Amino acid sequence: MLEIAGFWTPEYIAEKTSTLKLFKRKNLLVAVPANSPAVPVFPGENVITYQGKLDPDEVLVVLENMKQDV
């Protein structure tokens, strides 16, 4: 599952961080703009950062790596 999120409130960041910790190493990926205040907060295993646009090839590589870790 891939979530592309661009609007961040402190409440959203707290909720999403909890969700990502709960589903760590599962097929849940969040795409975060590189300049987002959420980047340093989210667990790295479930996050992909991007500048301007999300590269589908990069997403596929990350998802494939996540699949191997399950």
C-alpha atoms as a PDB file:
ATOM      1  CA  MET A   1       0.000   0.000   0.000  1.00  0.00           C
ATOM      2  CA  LEU A   2       1.326   3.457  -0.893  1.00  0.00           C
ATOM      3  CA  GLU A   3       0.184   6.734   0.601  1.00  0.00           C
ATOM      4  CA  ILE A   4       1.261   9.990  -0.992  1.00  0.00           C
ATOM      5  CA  ALA A   5       0.691  12.704   1.558  1.00  0.00           C
ATOM      6  CA  GLY A   6       1.417  16.371   1.196  1.00  0.00           C
ATOM      7  CA  PHE A   7      -0.496  18.135   3.965  1.00  0.00           C
ATOM      8  CA  TRP A   8       0.949  17.717   7.431  1.00  0.00           C
ATOM      9  CA  THR A   9      -0.529  18.800  10.731  1.00  0.00           C
ATOM     10  CA  PRO A  10       1.109  17.889  14.053  1.00  0.00           C
ATOM     11  CA  GLU A  11      -1.842  15.584  14.763  1.00  0.00           C
ATOM     12  CA  TYR A  12      -1.493  13.839  11.412  1.00  0.00           C
ATOM     13  CA  ILE A  13       2.243  13.325  11.909  1.00  0.00           C
ATOM     14  CA  ALA A  14       1.668  11.819  15.384  1.00  0.00           C
ATOM     15  CA  GLU A  15      -1.066   9.497  14.110  1.00  0.00           C
ATOM     16  CA  LYS A  16       0.896   8.392  11.041  1.00  0.00           C
ATOM     17  CA  THR A  17       4.026   7.773  13.126  1.00  0.00           C
ATOM     18  CA  SER A  18       2.029   5.465  15.414  1.00  0.00           C
ATOM     19  CA  THR A  19       0.556   3.646  12.426  1.00  0.00           C
ATOM     20  CA  LEU A  20       3.960   3.152  10.809  1.00  0.00           C
ATOM     21  CA  LYS A  21       5.432   1.790  14.042  1.00  0.00           C
ATOM     22  CA  LEU A  22       2.498  -0.622  14.343  1.00  0.00           C
ATOM     23  CA  PHE A  23       2.911  -1.869  10.772  1.00  0.00           C
ATOM     24  CA  LYS A  24       6.713  -1.794  10.695  1.00  0.00           C
ATOM     25  CA  ARG A  25       8.139  -4.081   7.998  1.00  0.00           C
ATOM     26  CA  LYS A  26       4.751  -4.567   6.369  1.00  0.00           C
ATOM     27  CA  ASN A  27       3.705  -3.428   2.913  1.00  0.00           C
ATOM     28  CA  LEU A  28       2.862   0.122   3.951  1.00  0.00           C
ATOM     29  CA  LEU A  29       4.851   2.920   2.344  1.00  0.00           C
ATOM     30  CA  VAL A  30       4.416   6.667   2.756  1.00  0.00           C
ATOM     31  CA  ALA A  31       5.803   9.060   0.138  1.00  0.00           C
ATOM     32  CA  VAL A  32       6.909  12.295   1.801  1.00  0.00           C
ATOM     33  CA  PRO A  33       8.157  15.480   0.143  1.00  0.00           C
ATOM     34  CA  ALA A  34      11.855  15.846   1.012  1.00  0.00           C
ATOM     35  CA  ASN A  35      11.292  19.261   2.605  1.00  0.00           C
ATOM     36  CA  SER A  36       8.439  18.068   4.841  1.00  0.00           C
ATOM     37  CA  PRO A  37       8.756  18.508   8.609  1.00  0.00           C
ATOM     38  CA  ALA A  38       7.583  14.890   8.888  1.00  0.00           C
ATOM     39  CA  VAL A  39      10.727  13.364   7.321  1.00  0.00           C
ATOM     40  CA  PRO A  40      12.838  13.196  10.501  1.00  0.00           C
ATOM     41  CA  VAL A  41       9.895  11.878  12.542  1.00  0.00           C
ATOM     42  CA  PHE A  42       8.787   8.905  10.449  1.00  0.00           C
ATOM     43  CA  PRO A  43      10.484   5.502  10.684  1.00  0.00           C
ATOM     44  CA  GLY A  44      12.838   5.204   7.691  1.00  0.00           C
ATOM     45  CA  GLU A  45      11.794   1.700   6.635  1.00  0.00           C
ATOM     46  CA  ASN A  46       8.319   2.847   5.605  1.00  0.00           C
ATOM     47  CA  VAL A  47       9.137   6.216   4.043  1.00  0.00           C
ATOM     48  CA  ILE A  48      10.323   7.322   0.642  1.00  0.00           C
ATOM     49  CA  THR A  49      11.162  10.968   0.013  1.00  0.00           C
ATOM     50  CA  TYR A  50      10.859  12.813  -3.246  1.00  0.00           C
ATOM     51  CA  GLN A  51      11.584  16.226  -4.750  1.00  0.00           C
ATOM     52  CA  GLY A  52       8.871  17.687  -6.951  1.00  0.00           C
ATOM     53  CA  LYS A  53       7.528  14.404  -8.304  1.00  0.00           C
ATOM     54  CA  LEU A  54       7.517  10.808  -7.170  1.00  0.00           C
ATOM     55  CA  ASP A  55       9.627   8.450  -9.299  1.00  0.00           C
ATOM     56  CA  PRO A  56       7.608   5.246  -9.928  1.00  0.00           C
ATOM     57  CA  ASP A  57      10.784   3.203 -10.525  1.00  0.00           C
ATOM     58  CA  GLU A  58      12.146   4.239  -7.126  1.00  0.00           C
ATOM     59  CA  VAL A  59       8.835   3.302  -5.478  1.00  0.00           C
ATOM     60  CA  LEU A  60       8.967  -0.146  -7.079  1.00  0.00           C
ATOM     61  CA  VAL A  61      12.521  -0.709  -5.808  1.00  0.00           C
ATOM     62  CA  VAL A  62      11.539   0.249  -2.250  1.00  0.00           C
ATOM     63  CA  LEU A  63       8.408  -1.924  -2.365  1.00  0.00           C
ATOM     64  CA  GLU A  64      10.417  -4.869  -3.674  1.00  0.00           C
ATOM     65  CA  ASN A  65      12.901  -4.462  -0.815  1.00  0.00           C
ATOM     66  CA  MET A  66      10.039  -4.283   1.690  1.00  0.00           C
ATOM     67  CA  LYS A  67       8.552  -7.461   0.209  1.00  0.00           C
ATOM     68  CA  GLN A  68      11.831  -9.325   0.769  1.00  0.00           C
ATOM     69  CA  ASP A  69      11.906  -8.218   4.430  1.00  0.00           C
ATOM     70  CA  VAL A  70       8.465  -9.677   5.210  1.00  0.00           C
END
